[in-house]
Amino acid sequence: MLDLIWNAGPVVKLVLLVLVYFSVVSWTIIFYKFRTIQRATRESSQFIDFFWNKKRLDAVAQEIKQYSHSPLSSLFREGYQELLKVQRIEKGDDSRGFADMGGENIARALRRASTQETHRLEKYLTFLATTGSTAPFIGLFGTVWGIMDSFHGIGQTGSASLAVVAPGISEALVATAIGLMAAIPAVVGYNHFLNKVNVLIGEMDNFSQEFLNIIEHMTRRS
């Protein structure tokens, strides 16, 4: 394999360098996202249990730092801070309903936090998708170019024997092989992480709705 790469033409070598770059960056992203999303999933599960076991929102806010990697804790923090702002502004006015007390502001803060967390979780996944979709074609380009170069050499030498044709074609096919080696892990990683992110997005939507329901019940009792 190394001999084939070393003896390949300059264009094929350039294609191989591009594919190696895609592969190295893709594997770096895969390891990074695996660690990040696994931690977010684990801490989100722990935070949900912690949240429902607590009776007061201020008690949850005091211990939220231990779940700093959970997207749900970020939603709670933004929603709780907005709730405190609303309570400070409208303190002493008991005649207002839930909407007047800033329910829309809290919902907007939760949506904003959810969008930010979604972007954080989906960060770098676009590169995996790009690698999975383009690497095979880049490799195919290198292969086509290598085969063209081989046939050009055949035309110059005037010999079409297998001994003359085979080395050039085998060198060219290396580009396709490496392109597939770069694309397959990227596609698998992208689909795996996208599924995990979608699960976390669903959990954020559910938590936002539950948080708003809790705030509404609190205002009705007050």
N, C-alpha and C. Protein backbone atom coordinates (compact mmCIF):
# COMPACT_ATOMS: atom_id res chain seq x y z
N MET A 1 0.83 -1.21 0.00
CA MET A 1 0.00 0.00 0.00
C MET A 1 0.86 1.26 0.00
N LEU A 2 1.89 1.28 0.85
CA LEU A 2 2.76 2.45 0.91
C LEU A 2 3.52 2.64 -0.39
N ASP A 3 3.94 1.52 -1.01
CA ASP A 3 4.62 1.63 -2.30
C ASP A 3 3.70 2.20 -3.36
N LEU A 4 2.43 1.78 -3.35
CA LEU A 4 1.49 2.29 -4.33
C LEU A 4 1.28 3.80 -4.16
N ILE A 5 1.18 4.23 -2.89
CA ILE A 5 1.00 5.66 -2.62
C ILE A 5 2.24 6.45 -3.03
N TRP A 6 3.40 5.90 -2.70
CA TRP A 6 4.65 6.61 -3.00
C TRP A 6 4.87 6.75 -4.51
N ASN A 7 4.46 5.74 -5.27
CA ASN A 7 4.68 5.75 -6.71
C ASN A 7 3.54 6.40 -7.49
N ALA A 8 2.51 6.87 -6.78
CA ALA A 8 1.38 7.51 -7.47
C ALA A 8 1.80 8.86 -8.03
N GLY A 9 1.01 9.35 -8.98
CA GLY A 9 1.29 10.63 -9.59
C GLY A 9 1.02 11.79 -8.64
N PRO A 10 1.45 12.99 -9.00
CA PRO A 10 1.29 14.15 -8.10
C PRO A 10 -0.17 14.49 -7.82
N VAL A 11 -1.03 14.37 -8.81
CA VAL A 11 -2.44 14.69 -8.60
C VAL A 11 -3.07 13.69 -7.64
N VAL A 12 -2.77 12.41 -7.84
CA VAL A 12 -3.30 11.38 -6.95
C VAL A 12 -2.77 11.57 -5.53
N LYS A 13 -1.51 11.95 -5.40
CA LYS A 13 -0.95 12.20 -4.07
C LYS A 13 -1.66 13.38 -3.40
N LEU A 14 -1.96 14.41 -4.18
CA LEU A 14 -2.69 15.55 -3.62
C LEU A 14 -4.08 15.12 -3.16
N VAL A 15 -4.75 14.29 -3.95
CA VAL A 15 -6.06 13.77 -3.56
C VAL A 15 -5.95 12.96 -2.27
N LEU A 16 -4.91 12.16 -2.17
CA LEU A 16 -4.72 11.34 -0.96
C LEU A 16 -4.47 12.21 0.26
N LEU A 17 -3.73 13.29 0.10
CA LEU A 17 -3.50 14.21 1.22
C LEU A 17 -4.80 14.84 1.69
N VAL A 18 -5.66 15.24 0.74
CA VAL A 18 -6.95 15.82 1.09
C VAL A 18 -7.79 14.80 1.85
N LEU A 19 -7.78 13.56 1.38
CA LEU A 19 -8.57 12.51 2.03
C LEU A 19 -8.03 12.18 3.42
N VAL A 20 -6.73 12.19 3.58
CA VAL A 20 -6.14 11.95 4.90
C VAL A 20 -6.54 13.07 5.86
N TYR A 21 -6.55 14.30 5.37
CA TYR A 21 -6.99 15.43 6.19
C TYR A 21 -8.44 15.23 6.64
N PHE A 22 -9.32 14.89 5.70
CA PHE A 22 -10.72 14.65 6.05
C PHE A 22 -10.84 13.52 7.07
N SER A 23 -10.06 12.48 6.88
CA SER A 23 -10.15 11.32 7.78
C SER A 23 -9.68 11.67 9.19
N VAL A 24 -8.55 12.36 9.30
CA VAL A 24 -8.00 12.71 10.61
C VAL A 24 -8.95 13.65 11.36
N VAL A 25 -9.46 14.66 10.66
CA VAL A 25 -10.38 15.60 11.31
C VAL A 25 -11.67 14.89 11.70
N SER A 26 -12.15 14.00 10.84
CA SER A 26 -13.39 13.28 11.15
C SER A 26 -13.24 12.42 12.39
N TRP A 27 -12.13 11.70 12.50
CA TRP A 27 -11.92 10.86 13.69
C TRP A 27 -11.77 11.71 14.94
N THR A 28 -11.13 12.88 14.80
CA THR A 28 -11.02 13.78 15.95
C THR A 28 -12.40 14.24 16.41
N ILE A 29 -13.25 14.59 15.45
CA ILE A 29 -14.61 15.01 15.78
C ILE A 29 -15.40 13.86 16.39
N ILE A 30 -15.23 12.66 15.86
CA ILE A 30 -15.96 11.50 16.37
C ILE A 30 -15.63 11.26 17.85
N PHE A 31 -14.35 11.28 18.18
CA PHE A 31 -13.96 11.07 19.57
C PHE A 31 -14.46 12.21 20.46
N TYR A 32 -14.36 13.44 19.96
CA TYR A 32 -14.80 14.60 20.75
C TYR A 32 -16.31 14.56 20.98
N LYS A 33 -17.08 14.32 19.92
CA LYS A 33 -18.54 14.30 20.05
C LYS A 33 -19.02 13.12 20.88
N PHE A 34 -18.34 12.00 20.78
CA PHE A 34 -18.72 10.85 21.59
C PHE A 34 -18.60 11.19 23.07
N ARG A 35 -17.52 11.84 23.43
CA ARG A 35 -17.32 12.23 24.83
C ARG A 35 -18.33 13.29 25.26
N THR A 36 -18.54 14.29 24.41
CA THR A 36 -19.44 15.39 24.74
C THR A 36 -20.88 14.93 24.87
N ILE A 37 -21.36 14.19 23.89
CA ILE A 37 -22.76 13.78 23.88
C ILE A 37 -23.02 12.72 24.94
N GLN A 38 -22.07 11.84 25.17
CA GLN A 38 -22.24 10.84 26.23
C GLN A 38 -22.36 11.53 27.59
N ARG A 39 -21.53 12.53 27.83
CA ARG A 39 -21.60 13.27 29.09
C ARG A 39 -22.91 14.03 29.21
N ALA A 40 -23.35 14.66 28.11
CA ALA A 40 -24.60 15.40 28.13
C ALA A 40 -25.78 14.47 28.41
N THR A 41 -25.78 13.30 27.80
CA THR A 41 -26.86 12.33 28.02
C THR A 41 -26.89 11.84 29.46
N ARG A 42 -25.71 11.51 29.98
CA ARG A 42 -25.64 11.01 31.36
C ARG A 42 -26.07 12.07 32.37
N GLU A 43 -25.56 13.28 32.23
CA GLU A 43 -25.90 14.32 33.19
C GLU A 43 -27.35 14.79 33.04
N SER A 44 -27.90 14.70 31.84
CA SER A 44 -29.31 15.06 31.67
C SER A 44 -30.21 14.09 32.41
N SER A 45 -29.88 12.82 32.33
CA SER A 45 -30.64 11.81 33.06
C SER A 45 -30.55 12.03 34.57
N GLN A 46 -29.35 12.35 35.04
CA GLN A 46 -29.16 12.62 36.46
C GLN A 46 -29.88 13.89 36.88
N PHE A 47 -29.85 14.91 36.02
CA PHE A 47 -30.50 16.17 36.36
C PHE A 47 -32.02 16.02 36.46
N ILE A 48 -32.61 15.23 35.57
CA ILE A 48 -34.06 15.02 35.62
C ILE A 48 -34.46 14.40 36.95
N ASP A 49 -33.72 13.37 37.39
CA ASP A 49 -34.01 12.75 38.68
C ASP A 49 -33.84 13.75 39.82
N PHE A 50 -32.76 14.53 39.75
CA PHE A 50 -32.50 15.53 40.78
C PHE A 50 -33.59 16.60 40.80
N PHE A 51 -34.01 17.04 39.63
CA PHE A 51 -35.01 18.10 39.51
C PHE A 51 -36.34 17.69 40.14
N TRP A 52 -36.79 16.47 39.84
CA TRP A 52 -38.10 16.05 40.35
C TRP A 52 -38.05 15.64 41.81
N ASN A 53 -36.86 15.36 42.32
CA ASN A 53 -36.74 15.01 43.75
C ASN A 53 -36.72 16.25 44.64
N LYS A 54 -36.42 17.40 44.06
CA LYS A 54 -36.41 18.64 44.82
C LYS A 54 -37.81 19.25 44.83
N LYS A 55 -38.13 19.90 45.93
CA LYS A 55 -39.46 20.51 46.09
C LYS A 55 -39.48 21.98 45.71
N ARG A 56 -38.31 22.60 45.65
CA ARG A 56 -38.24 24.04 45.41
C ARG A 56 -37.27 24.32 44.27
N LEU A 57 -37.60 25.34 43.47
CA LEU A 57 -36.74 25.71 42.35
C LEU A 57 -35.44 26.33 42.83
N ASP A 58 -35.49 27.08 43.93
CA ASP A 58 -34.26 27.68 44.43
C ASP A 58 -33.28 26.63 44.92
N ALA A 59 -33.80 25.51 45.44
CA ALA A 59 -32.93 24.42 45.87
C ALA A 59 -32.25 23.77 44.67
N VAL A 60 -32.97 23.68 43.56
CA VAL A 60 -32.36 23.14 42.34
C VAL A 60 -31.28 24.09 41.84
N ALA A 61 -31.55 25.39 41.87
CA ALA A 61 -30.60 26.39 41.37
C ALA A 61 -29.30 26.38 42.16
N GLN A 62 -29.37 26.06 43.44
CA GLN A 62 -28.17 26.08 44.28
C GLN A 62 -27.20 24.96 43.94
N GLU A 63 -27.69 23.86 43.39
CA GLU A 63 -26.84 22.70 43.12
C GLU A 63 -26.73 22.38 41.64
N ILE A 64 -27.07 23.32 40.80
CA ILE A 64 -27.13 23.05 39.37
C ILE A 64 -25.74 22.96 38.72
N LYS A 65 -24.73 23.50 39.37
CA LYS A 65 -23.39 23.51 38.78
C LYS A 65 -22.83 22.12 38.56
N GLN A 66 -23.28 21.15 39.33
CA GLN A 66 -22.76 19.79 39.16
C GLN A 66 -23.29 19.12 37.89
N TYR A 67 -24.23 19.78 37.20
CA TYR A 67 -24.77 19.25 35.94
C TYR A 67 -24.48 20.22 34.80
N SER A 68 -23.30 20.79 34.80
CA SER A 68 -22.97 21.86 33.85
C SER A 68 -22.95 21.39 32.40
N HIS A 69 -22.78 20.09 32.15
CA HIS A 69 -22.73 19.59 30.78
C HIS A 69 -24.10 19.14 30.27
N SER A 70 -25.10 19.24 31.09
CA SER A 70 -26.44 18.84 30.67
C SER A 70 -27.16 20.01 29.99
N PRO A 71 -27.73 19.80 28.81
CA PRO A 71 -28.50 20.88 28.18
C PRO A 71 -29.74 21.25 28.99
N LEU A 72 -30.28 20.30 29.73
CA LEU A 72 -31.47 20.58 30.54
C LEU A 72 -31.15 21.56 31.67
N SER A 73 -29.96 21.44 32.25
CA SER A 73 -29.57 22.37 33.31
C SER A 73 -29.43 23.79 32.76
N SER A 74 -28.97 23.91 31.50
CA SER A 74 -28.87 25.24 30.89
C SER A 74 -30.26 25.83 30.68
N LEU A 75 -31.22 25.00 30.27
CA LEU A 75 -32.59 25.48 30.12
C LEU A 75 -33.15 25.94 31.45
N PHE A 76 -32.92 25.15 32.49
CA PHE A 76 -33.42 25.53 33.81
C PHE A 76 -32.79 26.83 34.26
N ARG A 77 -31.50 26.97 34.09
CA ARG A 77 -30.82 28.18 34.54
C ARG A 77 -31.37 29.42 33.85
N GLU A 78 -31.55 29.36 32.52
CA GLU A 78 -32.07 30.51 31.80
C GLU A 78 -33.52 30.80 32.19
N GLY A 79 -34.33 29.75 32.30
CA GLY A 79 -35.72 29.95 32.69
C GLY A 79 -35.86 30.47 34.10
N TYR A 80 -35.04 29.96 35.02
CA TYR A 80 -35.12 30.40 36.42
C TYR A 80 -34.65 31.85 36.56
N GLN A 81 -33.60 32.22 35.84
CA GLN A 81 -33.13 33.60 35.90
C GLN A 81 -34.18 34.56 35.35
N GLU A 82 -34.87 34.16 34.30
CA GLU A 82 -35.93 35.00 33.75
C GLU A 82 -37.10 35.09 34.72
N LEU A 83 -37.38 34.00 35.41
CA LEU A 83 -38.44 34.01 36.42
C LEU A 83 -38.12 34.99 37.54
N LEU A 84 -36.87 35.00 37.98
CA LEU A 84 -36.46 35.93 39.03
C LEU A 84 -36.60 37.39 38.57
N LYS A 85 -36.27 37.64 37.31
CA LYS A 85 -36.43 39.00 36.78
C LYS A 85 -37.90 39.42 36.80
N VAL A 86 -38.77 38.51 36.36
CA VAL A 86 -40.20 38.81 36.33
C VAL A 86 -40.72 39.07 37.73
N GLN A 87 -40.29 38.25 38.70
CA GLN A 87 -40.76 38.41 40.07
C GLN A 87 -40.28 39.73 40.67
N ARG A 88 -39.07 40.15 40.32
CA ARG A 88 -38.57 41.43 40.84
C ARG A 88 -39.34 42.60 40.24
N ILE A 89 -39.66 42.50 38.95
CA ILE A 89 -40.36 43.60 38.29
C ILE A 89 -41.79 43.72 38.76
N GLU A 90 -42.45 42.57 38.93
CA GLU A 90 -43.88 42.59 39.23
C GLU A 90 -44.17 42.22 40.68
N LYS A 91 -43.20 42.36 41.52
CA LYS A 91 -43.38 42.03 42.93
C LYS A 91 -44.45 42.92 43.57
N GLY A 92 -45.33 42.28 44.29
CA GLY A 92 -46.38 43.02 44.98
C GLY A 92 -47.65 43.18 44.19
N ASP A 93 -47.67 42.78 42.91
CA ASP A 93 -48.88 42.91 42.11
C ASP A 93 -49.48 41.54 41.93
N ASP A 94 -50.50 41.21 42.75
CA ASP A 94 -51.09 39.87 42.72
C ASP A 94 -52.29 39.78 41.78
N SER A 95 -52.63 40.84 41.12
CA SER A 95 -53.82 40.82 40.28
C SER A 95 -53.54 40.34 38.87
N ARG A 96 -52.30 40.08 38.55
CA ARG A 96 -51.95 39.71 37.19
C ARG A 96 -51.95 38.20 37.02
N GLY A 97 -52.30 37.77 35.82
CA GLY A 97 -52.31 36.36 35.50
C GLY A 97 -50.94 35.87 35.07
N PHE A 98 -50.91 34.63 34.65
CA PHE A 98 -49.64 34.01 34.25
C PHE A 98 -49.00 34.75 33.08
N ALA A 99 -49.80 35.08 32.06
CA ALA A 99 -49.25 35.77 30.89
C ALA A 99 -48.68 37.12 31.28
N ASP A 100 -49.41 37.87 32.15
CA ASP A 100 -48.95 39.19 32.56
C ASP A 100 -47.70 39.11 33.42
N MET A 101 -47.49 38.02 34.09
CA MET A 101 -46.32 37.88 34.97
C MET A 101 -45.07 37.50 34.19
N GLY A 102 -45.17 37.43 32.91
CA GLY A 102 -43.96 37.19 32.11
C GLY A 102 -43.82 35.78 31.62
N GLY A 103 -44.95 35.06 31.49
CA GLY A 103 -44.86 33.69 30.99
C GLY A 103 -44.26 33.62 29.60
N GLU A 104 -44.58 34.62 28.77
CA GLU A 104 -44.01 34.65 27.42
C GLU A 104 -42.51 34.90 27.46
N ASN A 105 -42.08 35.76 28.40
CA ASN A 105 -40.64 36.01 28.52
C ASN A 105 -39.89 34.76 28.94
N ILE A 106 -40.47 34.01 29.86
CA ILE A 106 -39.84 32.76 30.32
C ILE A 106 -39.81 31.74 29.19
N ALA A 107 -40.91 31.63 28.45
CA ALA A 107 -40.95 30.70 27.32
C ALA A 107 -39.93 31.09 26.26
N ARG A 108 -39.78 32.39 26.04
CA ARG A 108 -38.80 32.87 25.06
C ARG A 108 -37.38 32.57 25.52
N ALA A 109 -37.12 32.72 26.82
CA ALA A 109 -35.79 32.40 27.35
C ALA A 109 -35.49 30.91 27.21
N LEU A 110 -36.50 30.08 27.42
CA LEU A 110 -36.31 28.64 27.26
C LEU A 110 -36.05 28.27 25.81
N ARG A 111 -36.76 28.90 24.89
CA ARG A 111 -36.53 28.62 23.47
C ARG A 111 -35.14 29.07 23.05
N ARG A 112 -34.72 30.23 23.55
CA ARG A 112 -33.39 30.73 23.22
C ARG A 112 -32.31 29.78 23.75
N ALA A 113 -32.47 29.32 24.99
CA ALA A 113 -31.50 28.39 25.56
C ALA A 113 -31.52 27.07 24.82
N SER A 114 -32.70 26.61 24.42
CA SER A 114 -32.79 25.36 23.67
C SER A 114 -32.09 25.46 22.32
N THR A 115 -32.24 26.61 21.67
CA THR A 115 -31.56 26.81 20.38
C THR A 115 -30.05 26.82 20.55
N GLN A 116 -29.58 27.49 21.59
CA GLN A 116 -28.14 27.53 21.84
C GLN A 116 -27.57 26.14 22.14
N GLU A 117 -28.29 25.37 22.94
CA GLU A 117 -27.83 24.03 23.28
C GLU A 117 -27.88 23.11 22.06
N THR A 118 -28.89 23.29 21.21
CA THR A 118 -28.97 22.49 19.99
C THR A 118 -27.78 22.77 19.08
N HIS A 119 -27.43 24.04 18.93
CA HIS A 119 -26.27 24.40 18.13
C HIS A 119 -24.99 23.82 18.72
N ARG A 120 -24.90 23.83 20.04
CA ARG A 120 -23.69 23.29 20.69
C ARG A 120 -23.59 21.78 20.45
N LEU A 121 -24.71 21.09 20.57
CA LEU A 121 -24.70 19.64 20.39
C LEU A 121 -24.44 19.25 18.93
N GLU A 122 -24.93 20.06 18.00
CA GLU A 122 -24.77 19.75 16.58
C GLU A 122 -23.46 20.28 16.00
N LYS A 123 -22.68 20.97 16.81
CA LYS A 123 -21.43 21.55 16.33
C LYS A 123 -20.50 20.47 15.77
N TYR A 124 -19.93 20.73 14.62
CA TYR A 124 -18.99 19.87 13.89
C TYR A 124 -19.65 18.69 13.17
N LEU A 125 -20.94 18.45 13.40
CA LEU A 125 -21.58 17.33 12.71
C LEU A 125 -21.66 17.59 11.21
N THR A 126 -21.72 18.86 10.82
CA THR A 126 -21.77 19.19 9.40
C THR A 126 -20.51 18.70 8.69
N PHE A 127 -19.38 18.78 9.37
CA PHE A 127 -18.13 18.31 8.75
C PHE A 127 -18.19 16.81 8.50
N LEU A 128 -18.77 16.05 9.45
CA LEU A 128 -18.90 14.61 9.24
C LEU A 128 -19.80 14.33 8.05
N ALA A 129 -20.90 15.06 7.94
CA ALA A 129 -21.81 14.87 6.81
C ALA A 129 -21.11 15.21 5.49
N THR A 130 -20.32 16.29 5.51
CA THR A 130 -19.60 16.68 4.30
C THR A 130 -18.57 15.63 3.91
N THR A 131 -17.86 15.12 4.90
CA THR A 131 -16.86 14.08 4.62
C THR A 131 -17.53 12.83 4.05
N GLY A 132 -18.64 12.42 4.65
CA GLY A 132 -19.33 11.23 4.19
C GLY A 132 -19.86 11.35 2.78
N SER A 133 -20.24 12.56 2.38
CA SER A 133 -20.84 12.73 1.06
C SER A 133 -19.81 13.05 -0.03
N THR A 134 -18.69 13.66 0.34
CA THR A 134 -17.73 14.11 -0.68
C THR A 134 -16.48 13.24 -0.78
N ALA A 135 -16.07 12.58 0.30
CA ALA A 135 -14.83 11.80 0.27
C ALA A 135 -14.84 10.72 -0.82
N PRO A 136 -15.94 9.95 -1.00
CA PRO A 136 -15.92 8.95 -2.08
C PRO A 136 -15.72 9.58 -3.46
N PHE A 137 -16.30 10.75 -3.69
CA PHE A 137 -16.16 11.40 -4.99
C PHE A 137 -14.75 11.96 -5.18
N ILE A 138 -14.17 12.46 -4.10
CA ILE A 138 -12.78 12.93 -4.19
C ILE A 138 -11.87 11.75 -4.51
N GLY A 139 -12.10 10.62 -3.83
CA GLY A 139 -11.32 9.42 -4.13
C GLY A 139 -11.54 8.94 -5.55
N LEU A 140 -12.78 9.01 -6.02
CA LEU A 140 -13.08 8.60 -7.39
C LEU A 140 -12.39 9.51 -8.40
N PHE A 141 -12.31 10.80 -8.08
CA PHE A 141 -11.58 11.71 -8.95
C PHE A 141 -10.12 11.30 -9.06
N GLY A 142 -9.52 10.96 -7.92
CA GLY A 142 -8.13 10.52 -7.94
C GLY A 142 -7.96 9.24 -8.75
N THR A 143 -8.93 8.35 -8.64
CA THR A 143 -8.85 7.11 -9.40
C THR A 143 -8.97 7.36 -10.90
N VAL A 144 -9.95 8.18 -11.27
CA VAL A 144 -10.12 8.49 -12.69
C VAL A 144 -8.88 9.16 -13.26
N TRP A 145 -8.33 10.10 -12.48
CA TRP A 145 -7.13 10.77 -12.96
C TRP A 145 -5.97 9.79 -13.10
N GLY A 146 -5.83 8.90 -12.12
CA GLY A 146 -4.74 7.92 -12.19
C GLY A 146 -4.90 6.98 -13.38
N ILE A 147 -6.12 6.57 -13.67
CA ILE A 147 -6.35 5.69 -14.82
C ILE A 147 -6.07 6.43 -16.12
N MET A 148 -6.48 7.70 -16.19
CA MET A 148 -6.17 8.50 -17.38
C MET A 148 -4.66 8.60 -17.57
N ASP A 149 -3.94 8.80 -16.48
CA ASP A 149 -2.49 8.89 -16.56
C ASP A 149 -1.89 7.57 -17.01
N SER A 150 -2.49 6.46 -16.53
CA SER A 150 -1.99 5.15 -16.93
C SER A 150 -2.20 4.91 -18.42
N PHE A 151 -3.37 5.25 -18.93
CA PHE A 151 -3.62 5.06 -20.36
C PHE A 151 -2.76 6.00 -21.22
N HIS A 152 -2.48 7.17 -20.67
CA HIS A 152 -1.57 8.06 -21.39
C HIS A 152 -0.18 7.43 -21.50
N GLY A 153 0.24 6.79 -20.39
CA GLY A 153 1.52 6.10 -20.43
C GLY A 153 1.52 4.94 -21.40
N ILE A 154 0.38 4.23 -21.49
CA ILE A 154 0.27 3.11 -22.42
C ILE A 154 0.40 3.62 -23.86
N GLY A 155 -0.26 4.78 -24.11
CA GLY A 155 -0.19 5.35 -25.46
C GLY A 155 1.22 5.75 -25.83
N GLN A 156 1.98 6.22 -24.87
CA GLN A 156 3.35 6.64 -25.16
C GLN A 156 4.28 5.45 -25.38
N THR A 157 4.09 4.39 -24.57
CA THR A 157 4.97 3.22 -24.70
C THR A 157 4.52 2.29 -25.81
N GLY A 158 3.24 2.35 -26.15
CA GLY A 158 2.73 1.47 -27.20
C GLY A 158 2.54 0.05 -26.74
N SER A 159 2.58 -0.20 -25.44
CA SER A 159 2.40 -1.56 -24.91
C SER A 159 1.17 -1.58 -24.02
N ALA A 160 0.30 -2.57 -24.23
CA ALA A 160 -0.92 -2.70 -23.44
C ALA A 160 -0.94 -3.99 -22.65
N SER A 161 0.22 -4.50 -22.31
CA SER A 161 0.29 -5.74 -21.54
C SER A 161 -0.15 -5.51 -20.10
N LEU A 162 -0.52 -6.59 -19.43
CA LEU A 162 -0.97 -6.48 -18.05
C LEU A 162 0.11 -5.92 -17.15
N ALA A 163 1.34 -6.24 -17.41
CA ALA A 163 2.45 -5.76 -16.59
C ALA A 163 2.59 -4.25 -16.66
N VAL A 164 2.16 -3.68 -17.79
CA VAL A 164 2.25 -2.23 -17.94
C VAL A 164 1.01 -1.54 -17.37
N VAL A 165 -0.18 -2.15 -17.57
CA VAL A 165 -1.43 -1.53 -17.16
C VAL A 165 -1.69 -1.65 -15.67
N ALA A 166 -1.42 -2.83 -15.11
CA ALA A 166 -1.82 -3.13 -13.73
C ALA A 166 -1.24 -2.18 -12.69
N PRO A 167 0.05 -1.84 -12.70
CA PRO A 167 0.58 -0.96 -11.65
C PRO A 167 -0.11 0.40 -11.60
N GLY A 168 -0.33 1.00 -12.77
CA GLY A 168 -0.97 2.32 -12.79
C GLY A 168 -2.40 2.28 -12.29
N ILE A 169 -3.15 1.24 -12.68
CA ILE A 169 -4.54 1.13 -12.25
C ILE A 169 -4.61 0.85 -10.75
N SER A 170 -3.74 -0.01 -10.26
CA SER A 170 -3.75 -0.32 -8.82
C SER A 170 -3.41 0.92 -8.00
N GLU A 171 -2.48 1.74 -8.48
CA GLU A 171 -2.15 2.99 -7.79
C GLU A 171 -3.36 3.92 -7.77
N ALA A 172 -4.08 3.95 -8.90
CA ALA A 172 -5.24 4.83 -8.98
C ALA A 172 -6.36 4.38 -8.05
N LEU A 173 -6.56 3.08 -7.92
CA LEU A 173 -7.65 2.57 -7.09
C LEU A 173 -7.42 2.82 -5.60
N VAL A 174 -6.17 3.09 -5.23
CA VAL A 174 -5.89 3.41 -3.83
C VAL A 174 -6.69 4.64 -3.39
N ALA A 175 -6.84 5.60 -4.27
CA ALA A 175 -7.58 6.83 -3.92
C ALA A 175 -9.03 6.51 -3.58
N THR A 176 -9.66 5.64 -4.34
CA THR A 176 -11.04 5.27 -4.04
C THR A 176 -11.12 4.55 -2.70
N ALA A 177 -10.16 3.64 -2.45
CA ALA A 177 -10.16 2.90 -1.19
C ALA A 177 -10.03 3.83 0.00
N ILE A 178 -9.12 4.78 -0.08
CA ILE A 178 -8.92 5.71 1.04
C ILE A 178 -10.12 6.64 1.17
N GLY A 179 -10.72 7.01 0.03
CA GLY A 179 -11.93 7.82 0.10
C GLY A 179 -13.05 7.13 0.86
N LEU A 180 -13.21 5.82 0.62
CA LEU A 180 -14.22 5.06 1.34
C LEU A 180 -13.85 4.91 2.81
N MET A 181 -12.57 4.74 3.08
CA MET A 181 -12.12 4.64 4.47
C MET A 181 -12.39 5.92 5.25
N ALA A 182 -12.34 7.05 4.56
CA ALA A 182 -12.64 8.31 5.23
C ALA A 182 -14.14 8.52 5.37
N ALA A 183 -14.91 8.08 4.36
CA ALA A 183 -16.34 8.37 4.34
C ALA A 183 -17.15 7.49 5.27
N ILE A 184 -16.83 6.20 5.34
CA ILE A 184 -17.66 5.26 6.09
C ILE A 184 -17.72 5.62 7.58
N PRO A 185 -16.59 5.83 8.28
CA PRO A 185 -16.70 6.23 9.70
C PRO A 185 -17.43 7.55 9.89
N ALA A 186 -17.24 8.48 8.94
CA ALA A 186 -17.91 9.78 9.06
C ALA A 186 -19.42 9.63 8.97
N VAL A 187 -19.89 8.80 8.05
CA VAL A 187 -21.34 8.59 7.89
C VAL A 187 -21.92 7.90 9.11
N VAL A 188 -21.23 6.86 9.58
CA VAL A 188 -21.70 6.14 10.77
C VAL A 188 -21.73 7.06 11.98
N GLY A 189 -20.66 7.84 12.17
CA GLY A 189 -20.62 8.77 13.30
C GLY A 189 -21.69 9.83 13.21
N TYR A 190 -21.90 10.36 12.02
CA TYR A 190 -22.91 11.40 11.84
C TYR A 190 -24.30 10.88 12.18
N ASN A 191 -24.66 9.72 11.65
CA ASN A 191 -25.99 9.17 11.93
C ASN A 191 -26.17 8.84 13.41
N HIS A 192 -25.13 8.31 14.03
CA HIS A 192 -25.20 7.97 15.45
C HIS A 192 -25.39 9.22 16.31
N PHE A 193 -24.56 10.23 16.06
CA PHE A 193 -24.64 11.44 16.88
C PHE A 193 -25.92 12.23 16.61
N LEU A 194 -26.37 12.24 15.36
CA LEU A 194 -27.60 12.95 15.04
C LEU A 194 -28.78 12.33 15.78
N ASN A 195 -28.80 11.01 15.86
CA ASN A 195 -29.86 10.34 16.62
C ASN A 195 -29.81 10.71 18.09
N LYS A 196 -28.61 10.74 18.66
CA LYS A 196 -28.47 11.12 20.07
C LYS A 196 -28.89 12.56 20.31
N VAL A 197 -28.51 13.44 19.39
CA VAL A 197 -28.88 14.86 19.53
C VAL A 197 -30.39 15.03 19.44
N ASN A 198 -31.04 14.31 18.54
CA ASN A 198 -32.49 14.40 18.42
C ASN A 198 -33.19 13.95 19.69
N VAL A 199 -32.64 12.94 20.35
CA VAL A 199 -33.21 12.50 21.63
C VAL A 199 -33.08 13.60 22.67
N LEU A 200 -31.91 14.24 22.72
CA LEU A 200 -31.71 15.33 23.68
C LEU A 200 -32.60 16.53 23.36
N ILE A 201 -32.82 16.81 22.08
CA ILE A 201 -33.71 17.90 21.70
C ILE A 201 -35.13 17.61 22.18
N GLY A 202 -35.57 16.35 22.02
CA GLY A 202 -36.88 15.97 22.53
C GLY A 202 -36.98 16.13 24.04
N GLU A 203 -35.92 15.78 24.75
CA GLU A 203 -35.92 15.96 26.20
C GLU A 203 -35.98 17.44 26.57
N MET A 204 -35.30 18.28 25.81
CA MET A 204 -35.33 19.72 26.09
C MET A 204 -36.74 20.28 25.86
N ASP A 205 -37.39 19.84 24.81
CA ASP A 205 -38.77 20.29 24.55
C ASP A 205 -39.70 19.88 25.69
N ASN A 206 -39.57 18.63 26.12
CA ASN A 206 -40.42 18.15 27.22
C ASN A 206 -40.14 18.90 28.51
N PHE A 207 -38.86 19.14 28.79
CA PHE A 207 -38.52 19.84 30.02
C PHE A 207 -39.01 21.28 30.00
N SER A 208 -38.91 21.93 28.85
CA SER A 208 -39.39 23.31 28.74
C SER A 208 -40.89 23.38 29.04
N GLN A 209 -41.64 22.45 28.50
CA GLN A 209 -43.07 22.44 28.76
C GLN A 209 -43.39 22.17 30.22
N GLU A 210 -42.66 21.22 30.82
CA GLU A 210 -42.88 20.93 32.24
C GLU A 210 -42.51 22.11 33.11
N PHE A 211 -41.43 22.79 32.76
CA PHE A 211 -41.00 23.95 33.54
C PHE A 211 -42.06 25.05 33.47
N LEU A 212 -42.61 25.29 32.28
CA LEU A 212 -43.65 26.31 32.15
C LEU A 212 -44.91 25.92 32.92
N ASN A 213 -45.23 24.64 32.94
CA ASN A 213 -46.39 24.18 33.71
C ASN A 213 -46.18 24.41 35.21
N ILE A 214 -44.97 24.16 35.68
CA ILE A 214 -44.67 24.38 37.09
C ILE A 214 -44.82 25.86 37.45
N ILE A 215 -44.28 26.74 36.58
CA ILE A 215 -44.39 28.17 36.83
C ILE A 215 -45.85 28.61 36.83
N GLU A 216 -46.64 28.07 35.92
CA GLU A 216 -48.05 28.43 35.86
C GLU A 216 -48.79 28.01 37.12
N HIS A 217 -48.49 26.80 37.61
CA HIS A 217 -49.14 26.33 38.84
C HIS A 217 -48.71 27.19 40.03
N MET A 218 -47.44 27.60 40.05
CA MET A 218 -46.97 28.45 41.13
C MET A 218 -47.69 29.80 41.16
N THR A 219 -47.90 30.38 39.99
CA THR A 219 -48.57 31.68 39.94
C THR A 219 -50.05 31.58 40.28
N ARG A 220 -50.64 30.46 39.96
CA ARG A 220 -52.06 30.28 40.30
C ARG A 220 -52.26 30.15 41.79
N ARG A 221 -51.28 29.53 42.47
CA ARG A 221 -51.42 29.36 43.92
C ARG A 221 -51.12 30.65 44.68
N SER A 222 -50.34 31.54 44.03
CA SER A 222 -49.92 32.77 44.74
C SER A 222 -51.04 33.80 44.71
